[in-house]
């Protein structure tokens, strides 16, 4: 060991070129601010890949409809259009559309999951009480469906809603199963992302309950704007009800059941109604 090493003289420490990091998301940001900024960015990304994107396109479609030569009340929206004139190619497109639309659902669940904590259990999408969830969901569907139909009829009479063509599929053997799957897809996408995921994340971002309910409901109304202002308002009301139920129970499965039932009736049930009733409702 050399013995000629002596400690540096007392005094000021030598200058360094290390400067404190700027304020923001870097290491120098407050520990609490960093995750909140990341969560905010995450929410925008998830919505941008799913319902937020749909809302932007729906608003643009509404503008296109309102500025068209044909009045809004005389226009038609096709909810499940055919993708090809060849039946099995059309079926392939339909199944792919359903599968890829569920990717944001998987992403939202993945992001909500934590070590030792299931995302399905966190938002109440698990099967811990299936009979009760199904019964409650069907009750919600009945409570929402009848007033919703009345709102649609009123919107059509006032020229605030387009005529809804619930299915553009030809009567192939696979049309009804695909329409049922499309109804389930809509329910999972909207209730998991717009309710379960969004409510959980906004709570973590310290939003108030009224603010959370308003954000979820307005998002739901926004991506239905393509159907006209009347149906958009109706979906805002539905969104407030669904959001309130989730905040109160932390169960999203009954909402999925309710939404699926509503869409199955809309997509498939219309085939059981007489033409005179369909014409009166403006459903084709």
C-alpha atoms as a PDB file:
ATOM      1  CA  UNK A   1       0.000   0.000   0.000  1.00  0.00           C
ATOM      2  CA  UNK A   2       1.631   3.280  -0.986  1.00  0.00           C
ATOM      3  CA  UNK A   3       2.099   5.694   1.899  1.00  0.00           C
ATOM      4  CA  UNK A   4       2.437   8.890  -0.053  1.00  0.00           C
ATOM      5  CA  UNK A   5      -1.294   9.341  -0.714  1.00  0.00           C
ATOM      6  CA  UNK A   6      -2.661  12.192   1.342  1.00  0.00           C
ATOM      7  CA  UNK A   7      -6.243  13.422   1.554  1.00  0.00           C
ATOM      8  CA  UNK A   8      -7.109  16.511  -0.484  1.00  0.00           C
ATOM      9  CA  UNK A   9      -6.941  19.795   1.353  1.00  0.00           C
ATOM     10  CA  UNK A  10     -10.031  21.035   3.060  1.00  0.00           C
ATOM     11  CA  UNK A  11     -12.045  23.590   1.165  1.00  0.00           C
ATOM     12  CA  UNK A  12     -14.545  23.787  -1.632  1.00  0.00           C
ATOM     13  CA  UNK A  13     -15.176  20.591  -3.534  1.00  0.00           C
ATOM     14  CA  UNK A  14     -14.008  20.617  -7.134  1.00  0.00           C
ATOM     15  CA  UNK A  15     -16.648  21.808  -9.590  1.00  0.00           C
ATOM     16  CA  UNK A  16     -18.521  19.178 -11.560  1.00  0.00           C
ATOM     17  CA  UNK A  17     -20.528  19.321 -14.759  1.00  0.00           C
ATOM     18  CA  UNK A  18     -23.508  17.542 -13.238  1.00  0.00           C
ATOM     19  CA  UNK A  19     -26.592  19.747 -13.304  1.00  0.00           C
ATOM     20  CA  UNK A  20     -29.996  18.952 -11.829  1.00  0.00           C
ATOM     21  CA  UNK A  21     -32.425  17.491 -14.353  1.00  0.00           C
ATOM     22  CA  UNK A  22     -35.175  19.740 -15.643  1.00  0.00           C
ATOM     23  CA  UNK A  23     -38.596  19.546 -14.121  1.00  0.00           C
ATOM     24  CA  UNK A  24     -40.957  17.128 -15.826  1.00  0.00           C
ATOM     25  CA  UNK A  25     -41.185  13.369 -16.167  1.00  0.00           C
ATOM     26  CA  UNK A  26     -37.474  12.727 -15.634  1.00  0.00           C
ATOM     27  CA  UNK A  27     -35.753  11.440 -12.509  1.00  0.00           C
ATOM     28  CA  UNK A  28     -36.002  14.863 -10.918  1.00  0.00           C
ATOM     29  CA  UNK A  29     -39.792  15.021 -11.157  1.00  0.00           C
ATOM     30  CA  UNK A  30     -41.772  14.404  -7.967  1.00  0.00           C
ATOM     31  CA  UNK A  31     -42.419  10.711  -7.469  1.00  0.00           C
ATOM     32  CA  UNK A  32     -46.161  11.316  -7.418  1.00  0.00           C
ATOM     33  CA  UNK A  33     -46.203  13.338 -10.659  1.00  0.00           C
ATOM     34  CA  UNK A  34     -44.395  10.745 -12.764  1.00  0.00           C
ATOM     35  CA  UNK A  35     -46.980   7.935 -12.500  1.00  0.00           C
ATOM     36  CA  UNK A  36     -49.841  10.395 -12.940  1.00  0.00           C
ATOM     37  CA  UNK A  37     -48.351  11.687 -16.188  1.00  0.00           C
ATOM     38  CA  UNK A  38     -47.744   8.144 -17.362  1.00  0.00           C
ATOM     39  CA  UNK A  39     -51.311   7.154 -16.500  1.00  0.00           C
ATOM     40  CA  UNK A  40     -52.671  10.166 -18.388  1.00  0.00           C
ATOM     41  CA  UNK A  41     -50.606   9.239 -21.439  1.00  0.00           C
ATOM     42  CA  UNK A  42     -51.750   5.626 -21.130  1.00  0.00           C
ATOM     43  CA  UNK A  43     -55.423   6.648 -21.092  1.00  0.00           C
ATOM     44  CA  UNK A  44     -55.002   8.774 -24.223  1.00  0.00           C
ATOM     45  CA  UNK A  45     -53.186   5.930 -25.994  1.00  0.00           C
ATOM     46  CA  UNK A  46     -55.852   3.333 -25.130  1.00  0.00           C
ATOM     47  CA  UNK A  47     -58.667   5.651 -26.186  1.00  0.00           C
ATOM     48  CA  UNK A  48     -56.785   6.657 -29.330  1.00  0.00           C
ATOM     49  CA  UNK A  49     -56.628   3.002 -30.311  1.00  0.00           C
ATOM     50  CA  UNK A  50     -60.288   2.343 -29.590  1.00  0.00           C
ATOM     51  CA  UNK A  51     -63.325   4.406 -28.632  1.00  0.00           C
ATOM     52  CA  UNK A  52     -61.620   7.788 -28.740  1.00  0.00           C
ATOM     53  CA  UNK A  53     -60.739   7.150 -32.361  1.00  0.00           C
ATOM     54  CA  UNK A  54     -64.332   6.077 -33.018  1.00  0.00           C
ATOM     55  CA  UNK A  55     -65.566   9.297 -31.402  1.00  0.00           C
ATOM     56  CA  UNK A  56     -63.455  11.454 -33.717  1.00  0.00           C
ATOM     57  CA  UNK A  57     -64.675   9.621 -36.808  1.00  0.00           C
ATOM     58  CA  UNK A  58     -68.275   9.729 -35.544  1.00  0.00           C
ATOM     59  CA  UNK A  59     -68.085  13.509 -35.094  1.00  0.00           C
ATOM     60  CA  UNK A  60     -66.683  13.866 -38.612  1.00  0.00           C
ATOM     61  CA  UNK A  61     -69.431  11.640 -40.005  1.00  0.00           C
ATOM     62  CA  UNK A  62     -72.058  13.729 -38.232  1.00  0.00           C
ATOM     63  CA  UNK A  63     -70.607  16.887 -39.767  1.00  0.00           C
ATOM     64  CA  UNK A  64     -70.695  15.203 -43.172  1.00  0.00           C
ATOM     65  CA  UNK A  65     -74.328  14.229 -42.653  1.00  0.00           C
ATOM     66  CA  UNK A  66     -75.381  17.671 -41.440  1.00  0.00           C
ATOM     67  CA  UNK A  67     -73.741  19.403 -44.413  1.00  0.00           C
ATOM     68  CA  UNK A  68     -75.111  16.979 -47.007  1.00  0.00           C
ATOM     69  CA  UNK A  69     -77.917  17.910 -49.384  1.00  0.00           C
ATOM     70  CA  UNK A  70     -80.164  15.216 -47.902  1.00  0.00           C
ATOM     71  CA  UNK A  71     -81.734  16.103 -44.508  1.00  0.00           C
ATOM     72  CA  UNK A  72     -80.435  14.103 -41.542  1.00  0.00           C
ATOM     73  CA  UNK A  73     -83.789  12.428 -40.932  1.00  0.00           C
ATOM     74  CA  UNK A  74     -83.750  10.974 -44.452  1.00  0.00           C
ATOM     75  CA  UNK A  75     -80.313   9.403 -44.133  1.00  0.00           C
ATOM     76  CA  UNK A  76     -79.461   5.834 -43.107  1.00  0.00           C
ATOM     77  CA  UNK A  77     -76.745   4.274 -40.945  1.00  0.00           C
ATOM     78  CA  UNK A  78     -75.786   0.640 -41.542  1.00  0.00           C
ATOM     79  CA  UNK A  79     -74.498  -0.947 -38.335  1.00  0.00           C
ATOM     80  CA  UNK A  80     -73.224  -4.283 -39.651  1.00  0.00           C
ATOM     81  CA  UNK A  81     -72.405  -3.873 -43.337  1.00  0.00           C
ATOM     82  CA  UNK A  82     -71.373  -6.667 -45.649  1.00  0.00           C
ATOM     83  CA  UNK A  83     -67.654  -6.711 -46.529  1.00  0.00           C
ATOM     84  CA  UNK A  84     -67.694  -8.829 -49.672  1.00  0.00           C
ATOM     85  CA  UNK A  85     -70.106 -10.223 -52.242  1.00  0.00           C
ATOM     86  CA  UNK A  86     -68.546 -13.674 -51.742  1.00  0.00           C
ATOM     87  CA  UNK A  87     -70.198 -15.281 -48.676  1.00  0.00           C
ATOM     88  CA  UNK A  88     -67.205 -17.035 -47.116  1.00  0.00           C
ATOM     89  CA  UNK A  89     -64.939 -14.075 -47.744  1.00  0.00           C
ATOM     90  CA  UNK A  90     -67.550 -11.856 -46.134  1.00  0.00           C
ATOM     91  CA  UNK A  91     -67.631 -14.229 -43.137  1.00  0.00           C
ATOM     92  CA  UNK A  92     -63.850 -14.065 -42.876  1.00  0.00           C
ATOM     93  CA  UNK A  93     -63.899 -10.273 -42.877  1.00  0.00           C
ATOM     94  CA  UNK A  94     -66.663 -10.198 -40.251  1.00  0.00           C
ATOM     95  CA  UNK A  95     -64.786 -12.518 -37.885  1.00  0.00           C
ATOM     96  CA  UNK A  96     -61.528 -10.609 -38.346  1.00  0.00           C
ATOM     97  CA  UNK A  97     -63.276  -7.300 -37.640  1.00  0.00           C
ATOM     98  CA  UNK A  98     -64.655  -8.725 -34.405  1.00  0.00           C
ATOM     99  CA  UNK A  99     -61.327 -10.223 -33.343  1.00  0.00           C
ATOM    100  CA  UNK A 100     -59.236  -7.099 -33.976  1.00  0.00           C
ATOM    101  CA  UNK A 101     -61.833  -4.849 -32.313  1.00  0.00           C
ATOM    102  CA  UNK A 102     -61.276  -6.835 -29.112  1.00  0.00           C
ATOM    103  CA  UNK A 103     -57.531  -6.134 -29.034  1.00  0.00           C
ATOM    104  CA  UNK A 104     -58.028  -2.819 -27.131  1.00  0.00           C
ATOM    105  CA  UNK A 105     -60.081  -4.780 -24.590  1.00  0.00           C
ATOM    106  CA  UNK A 106     -57.160  -7.146 -24.062  1.00  0.00           C
ATOM    107  CA  UNK A 107     -54.807  -4.163 -23.805  1.00  0.00           C
ATOM    108  CA  UNK A 108     -56.977  -2.432 -21.196  1.00  0.00           C
ATOM    109  CA  UNK A 109     -57.181  -5.608 -19.115  1.00  0.00           C
ATOM    110  CA  UNK A 110     -53.446  -6.154 -19.416  1.00  0.00           C
ATOM    111  CA  UNK A 111     -52.737  -2.627 -18.206  1.00  0.00           C
ATOM    112  CA  UNK A 112     -55.156  -2.958 -15.289  1.00  0.00           C
ATOM    113  CA  UNK A 113     -53.614  -6.208 -14.124  1.00  0.00           C
ATOM    114  CA  UNK A 114     -51.014  -6.199 -11.358  1.00  0.00           C
ATOM    115  CA  UNK A 115     -48.866  -8.906  -9.735  1.00  0.00           C
ATOM    116  CA  UNK A 116     -51.200 -11.091  -7.753  1.00  0.00           C
ATOM    117  CA  UNK A 117     -54.251  -9.123  -8.871  1.00  0.00           C
ATOM    118  CA  UNK A 118     -56.544 -10.154 -11.721  1.00  0.00           C
ATOM    119  CA  UNK A 119     -57.880  -7.413 -13.972  1.00  0.00           C
ATOM    120  CA  UNK A 120     -61.069  -9.449 -14.479  1.00  0.00           C
ATOM    121  CA  UNK A 121     -61.677  -9.530 -10.740  1.00  0.00           C
ATOM    122  CA  UNK A 122     -60.692  -5.890 -10.363  1.00  0.00           C
ATOM    123  CA  UNK A 123     -63.438  -4.611 -12.660  1.00  0.00           C
ATOM    124  CA  UNK A 124     -65.949  -7.357 -11.909  1.00  0.00           C
ATOM    125  CA  UNK A 125     -65.731  -9.237 -15.197  1.00  0.00           C
ATOM    126  CA  UNK A 126     -65.123 -12.547 -13.433  1.00  0.00           C
ATOM    127  CA  UNK A 127     -67.668 -15.329 -12.908  1.00  0.00           C
ATOM    128  CA  UNK A 128     -67.966 -15.198  -9.142  1.00  0.00           C
ATOM    129  CA  UNK A 129     -71.752 -14.664  -9.302  1.00  0.00           C
ATOM    130  CA  UNK A 130     -72.913 -15.464 -12.860  1.00  0.00           C
ATOM    131  CA  UNK A 131     -76.620 -16.001 -12.169  1.00  0.00           C
ATOM    132  CA  UNK A 132     -76.999 -12.703 -10.334  1.00  0.00           C
ATOM    133  CA  UNK A 133     -74.955 -10.798 -12.923  1.00  0.00           C
ATOM    134  CA  UNK A 134     -77.040 -12.170 -15.791  1.00  0.00           C
ATOM    135  CA  UNK A 135     -80.299 -11.400 -14.006  1.00  0.00           C
ATOM    136  CA  UNK A 136     -79.218  -7.857 -13.155  1.00  0.00           C
ATOM    137  CA  UNK A 137     -77.907  -7.335 -16.692  1.00  0.00           C
ATOM    138  CA  UNK A 138     -81.194  -8.410 -18.279  1.00  0.00           C
ATOM    139  CA  UNK A 139     -83.058  -6.123 -15.884  1.00  0.00           C
ATOM    140  CA  UNK A 140     -80.860  -3.188 -16.887  1.00  0.00           C
ATOM    141  CA  UNK A 141     -81.415  -4.046 -20.562  1.00  0.00           C
ATOM    142  CA  UNK A 142     -85.184  -3.937 -20.093  1.00  0.00           C
ATOM    143  CA  UNK A 143     -84.989  -0.669 -18.150  1.00  0.00           C
ATOM    144  CA  UNK A 144     -82.819   0.950 -20.832  1.00  0.00           C
ATOM    145  CA  UNK A 145     -84.205  -0.678 -23.974  1.00  0.00           C
ATOM    146  CA  UNK A 146     -87.825   0.473 -23.831  1.00  0.00           C
ATOM    147  CA  UNK A 147     -87.075   4.171 -23.154  1.00  0.00           C
ATOM    148  CA  UNK A 148     -84.252   3.962 -25.701  1.00  0.00           C
ATOM    149  CA  UNK A 149     -86.662   2.767 -28.380  1.00  0.00           C
ATOM    150  CA  UNK A 150     -89.005   5.621 -27.513  1.00  0.00           C
ATOM    151  CA  UNK A 151     -86.141   8.103 -27.765  1.00  0.00           C
ATOM    152  CA  UNK A 152     -85.216   6.707 -31.178  1.00  0.00           C
ATOM    153  CA  UNK A 153     -88.795   7.074 -32.436  1.00  0.00           C
ATOM    154  CA  UNK A 154     -88.927  10.638 -31.112  1.00  0.00           C
ATOM    155  CA  UNK A 155     -85.574  11.442 -32.722  1.00  0.00           C
ATOM    156  CA  UNK A 156     -86.793  10.095 -36.045  1.00  0.00           C
ATOM    157  CA  UNK A 157     -89.984  12.168 -35.809  1.00  0.00           C
ATOM    158  CA  UNK A 158     -87.984  15.317 -35.077  1.00  0.00           C
ATOM    159  CA  UNK A 159     -85.386  14.597 -37.757  1.00  0.00           C
ATOM    160  CA  UNK A 160     -82.581  14.313 -35.165  1.00  0.00           C
ATOM    161  CA  UNK A 161     -81.696  10.681 -35.839  1.00  0.00           C
ATOM    162  CA  UNK A 162     -80.910   8.745 -38.973  1.00  0.00           C
ATOM    163  CA  UNK A 163     -82.766   5.602 -39.981  1.00  0.00           C
ATOM    164  CA  UNK A 164     -80.791   2.675 -38.571  1.00  0.00           C
ATOM    165  CA  UNK A 165     -80.239  -0.343 -40.782  1.00  0.00           C
ATOM    166  CA  UNK A 166     -79.305  -2.878 -38.126  1.00  0.00           C
ATOM    167  CA  UNK A 167     -77.747  -5.403 -40.491  1.00  0.00           C
ATOM    168  CA  UNK A 168     -76.381  -5.185 -43.991  1.00  0.00           C
ATOM    169  CA  UNK A 169     -75.607  -8.902 -44.088  1.00  0.00           C
ATOM    170  CA  UNK A 170     -77.250 -11.188 -46.573  1.00  0.00           C
ATOM    171  CA  UNK A 171     -79.322 -14.031 -45.039  1.00  0.00           C
ATOM    172  CA  UNK A 172     -76.503 -16.590 -44.955  1.00  0.00           C
ATOM    173  CA  UNK A 173     -76.478 -19.434 -42.435  1.00  0.00           C
ATOM    174  CA  UNK A 174     -73.775 -17.636 -40.459  1.00  0.00           C
ATOM    175  CA  UNK A 175     -75.422 -14.193 -40.372  1.00  0.00           C
ATOM    176  CA  UNK A 176     -77.210 -14.575 -37.020  1.00  0.00           C
ATOM    177  CA  UNK A 177     -74.195 -16.072 -35.163  1.00  0.00           C
ATOM    178  CA  UNK A 178     -71.999 -13.264 -36.510  1.00  0.00           C
ATOM    179  CA  UNK A 179     -74.518 -10.643 -35.410  1.00  0.00           C
ATOM    180  CA  UNK A 180     -74.591 -12.179 -31.900  1.00  0.00           C
ATOM    181  CA  UNK A 181     -70.783 -12.121 -31.795  1.00  0.00           C
ATOM    182  CA  UNK A 182     -70.831  -8.509 -32.997  1.00  0.00           C
ATOM    183  CA  UNK A 183     -73.208  -7.638 -30.157  1.00  0.00           C
ATOM    184  CA  UNK A 184     -70.883  -9.285 -27.620  1.00  0.00           C
ATOM    185  CA  UNK A 185     -67.896  -7.503 -29.162  1.00  0.00           C
ATOM    186  CA  UNK A 186     -69.605  -4.121 -28.848  1.00  0.00           C
ATOM    187  CA  UNK A 187     -70.519  -4.836 -25.250  1.00  0.00           C
ATOM    188  CA  UNK A 188     -67.010  -5.893 -24.228  1.00  0.00           C
ATOM    189  CA  UNK A 189     -65.320  -3.022 -26.025  1.00  0.00           C
ATOM    190  CA  UNK A 190     -67.585  -0.308 -24.701  1.00  0.00           C
ATOM    191  CA  UNK A 191     -68.138  -1.521 -21.153  1.00  0.00           C
ATOM    192  CA  UNK A 192     -64.580  -2.652 -20.449  1.00  0.00           C
ATOM    193  CA  UNK A 193     -62.891   0.401 -21.997  1.00  0.00           C
ATOM    194  CA  UNK A 194     -65.419   3.223 -21.491  1.00  0.00           C
ATOM    195  CA  UNK A 195     -66.532   2.085 -18.039  1.00  0.00           C
ATOM    196  CA  UNK A 196     -64.247  -0.391 -16.271  1.00  0.00           C
ATOM    197  CA  UNK A 197     -60.871   0.792 -17.535  1.00  0.00           C
ATOM    198  CA  UNK A 198     -61.677   4.503 -17.743  1.00  0.00           C
ATOM    199  CA  UNK A 199     -63.282   4.709 -14.300  1.00  0.00           C
ATOM    200  CA  UNK A 200     -60.385   2.868 -12.666  1.00  0.00           C
ATOM    201  CA  UNK A 201     -57.757   5.038 -14.307  1.00  0.00           C
ATOM    202  CA  UNK A 202     -59.554   8.326 -13.652  1.00  0.00           C
ATOM    203  CA  UNK A 203     -59.917   7.360 -10.001  1.00  0.00           C
ATOM    204  CA  UNK A 204     -56.166   6.807  -9.866  1.00  0.00           C
ATOM    205  CA  UNK A 205     -55.751  10.242 -11.429  1.00  0.00           C
ATOM    206  CA  UNK A 206     -57.863  11.628  -8.552  1.00  0.00           C
ATOM    207  CA  UNK A 207     -60.829  12.727 -10.606  1.00  0.00           C
ATOM    208  CA  UNK A 208     -64.035  13.357  -8.700  1.00  0.00           C
ATOM    209  CA  UNK A 209     -66.896  10.899  -9.117  1.00  0.00           C
ATOM    210  CA  UNK A 210     -69.109  13.394 -11.030  1.00  0.00           C
ATOM    211  CA  UNK A 211     -66.201  14.162 -13.347  1.00  0.00           C
ATOM    212  CA  UNK A 212     -65.577  10.458 -13.963  1.00  0.00           C
ATOM    213  CA  UNK A 213     -69.240   9.773 -14.727  1.00  0.00           C
ATOM    214  CA  UNK A 214     -69.410  12.767 -17.069  1.00  0.00           C
ATOM    215  CA  UNK A 215     -66.246  11.744 -18.944  1.00  0.00           C
ATOM    216  CA  UNK A 216     -67.432   8.156 -19.441  1.00  0.00           C
ATOM    217  CA  UNK A 217     -70.927   9.213 -20.509  1.00  0.00           C
ATOM    218  CA  UNK A 218     -69.745  11.923 -22.904  1.00  0.00           C
ATOM    219  CA  UNK A 219     -67.315   9.487 -24.507  1.00  0.00           C
ATOM    220  CA  UNK A 220     -70.185   7.047 -25.060  1.00  0.00           C
ATOM    221  CA  UNK A 221     -72.305   9.746 -26.609  1.00  0.00           C
ATOM    222  CA  UNK A 222     -69.449  10.969 -28.795  1.00  0.00           C
ATOM    223  CA  UNK A 223     -68.806   7.688 -30.575  1.00  0.00           C
ATOM    224  CA  UNK A 224     -72.542   7.381 -31.317  1.00  0.00           C
ATOM    225  CA  UNK A 225     -72.738  10.792 -33.000  1.00  0.00           C
ATOM    226  CA  UNK A 226     -72.863   9.161 -36.436  1.00  0.00           C
ATOM    227  CA  UNK A 227     -76.444   8.121 -35.595  1.00  0.00           C
ATOM    228  CA  UNK A 228     -77.465  11.733 -35.034  1.00  0.00           C
ATOM    229  CA  UNK A 229     -77.673  14.082 -32.049  1.00  0.00           C
ATOM    230  CA  UNK A 230     -80.796  12.396 -30.692  1.00  0.00           C
ATOM    231  CA  UNK A 231     -79.177   8.985 -30.269  1.00  0.00           C
ATOM    232  CA  UNK A 232     -75.980  10.574 -28.973  1.00  0.00           C
ATOM    233  CA  UNK A 233     -77.917  12.253 -26.151  1.00  0.00           C
ATOM    234  CA  UNK A 234     -79.647   8.976 -25.366  1.00  0.00           C
ATOM    235  CA  UNK A 235     -76.288   7.228 -25.114  1.00  0.00           C
ATOM    236  CA  UNK A 236     -75.000   9.931 -22.754  1.00  0.00           C
ATOM    237  CA  UNK A 237     -77.914   9.179 -20.437  1.00  0.00           C
ATOM    238  CA  UNK A 238     -77.220   5.460 -20.750  1.00  0.00           C
ATOM    239  CA  UNK A 239     -73.543   6.135 -20.021  1.00  0.00           C
ATOM    240  CA  UNK A 240     -74.414   8.004 -16.819  1.00  0.00           C
ATOM    241  CA  UNK A 241     -76.551   5.082 -15.661  1.00  0.00           C
ATOM    242  CA  UNK A 242     -73.931   2.468 -16.518  1.00  0.00           C
ATOM    243  CA  UNK A 243     -71.130   4.499 -14.969  1.00  0.00           C
ATOM    244  CA  UNK A 244     -73.134   5.055 -11.780  1.00  0.00           C
ATOM    245  CA  UNK A 245     -73.831   1.335 -11.521  1.00  0.00           C
ATOM    246  CA  UNK A 246     -70.159   0.468 -11.935  1.00  0.00           C
ATOM    247  CA  UNK A 247     -68.967   3.058  -9.396  1.00  0.00           C
ATOM    248  CA  UNK A 248     -71.501   1.687  -6.924  1.00  0.00           C
ATOM    249  CA  UNK A 249     -70.863  -2.059  -7.454  1.00  0.00           C
ATOM    250  CA  UNK A 250     -67.495  -2.427  -9.209  1.00  0.00           C
ATOM    251  CA  UNK A 251     -69.128  -5.044 -11.458  1.00  0.00           C
ATOM    252  CA  UNK A 252     -68.851  -4.582 -15.223  1.00  0.00           C
ATOM    253  CA  UNK A 253     -70.214  -8.019 -16.183  1.00  0.00           C
ATOM    254  CA  UNK A 254     -73.896  -7.048 -15.706  1.00  0.00           C
ATOM    255  CA  UNK A 255     -73.276  -4.090 -18.021  1.00  0.00           C
ATOM    256  CA  UNK A 256     -71.761  -6.404 -20.624  1.00  0.00           C
ATOM    257  CA  UNK A 257     -74.810  -8.676 -20.339  1.00  0.00           C
ATOM    258  CA  UNK A 258     -77.179  -5.704 -20.650  1.00  0.00           C
ATOM    259  CA  UNK A 259     -75.362  -4.243 -23.650  1.00  0.00           C
ATOM    260  CA  UNK A 260     -75.156  -7.625 -25.391  1.00  0.00           C
ATOM    261  CA  UNK A 261     -78.878  -8.210 -24.879  1.00  0.00           C
ATOM    262  CA  UNK A 262     -79.752  -4.764 -26.236  1.00  0.00           C
ATOM    263  CA  UNK A 263     -77.626  -5.253 -29.347  1.00  0.00           C
ATOM    264  CA  UNK A 264     -78.822  -8.811 -29.987  1.00  0.00           C
ATOM    265  CA  UNK A 265     -82.413  -7.567 -29.929  1.00  0.00           C
ATOM    266  CA  UNK A 266     -81.473  -4.666 -32.216  1.00  0.00           C
ATOM    267  CA  UNK A 267     -79.407  -6.775 -34.639  1.00  0.00           C
ATOM    268  CA  UNK A 268     -81.439  -9.992 -34.733  1.00  0.00           C
ATOM    269  CA  UNK A 269     -84.774  -9.409 -33.038  1.00  0.00           C
ATOM    270  CA  UNK A 270     -85.972  -7.026 -35.725  1.00  0.00           C
ATOM    271  CA  UNK A 271     -86.372 -10.005 -38.073  1.00  0.00           C
ATOM    272  CA  UNK A 272     -89.259 -11.208 -35.911  1.00  0.00           C
ATOM    273  CA  UNK A 273     -91.237  -7.969 -36.215  1.00  0.00           C
ATOM    274  CA  UNK A 274     -93.782  -7.304 -38.967  1.00  0.00           C
ATOM    275  CA  UNK A 275     -92.779  -4.934 -41.752  1.00  0.00           C
ATOM    276  CA  UNK A 276     -95.437  -2.428 -40.719  1.00  0.00           C
ATOM    277  CA  UNK A 277     -93.925  -2.160 -37.231  1.00  0.00           C
ATOM    278  CA  UNK A 278     -90.411  -1.799 -38.637  1.00  0.00           C
ATOM    279  CA  UNK A 279     -91.551   0.928 -41.021  1.00  0.00           C
ATOM    280  CA  UNK A 280     -93.238   2.783 -38.163  1.00  0.00           C
ATOM    281  CA  UNK A 281     -90.030   2.626 -36.120  1.00  0.00           C
ATOM    282  CA  UNK A 282     -87.848   3.598 -39.040  1.00  0.00           C
ATOM    283  CA  UNK A 283     -85.871   0.369 -38.784  1.00  0.00           C
ATOM    284  CA  UNK A 284     -84.936  -1.479 -41.960  1.00  0.00           C
END
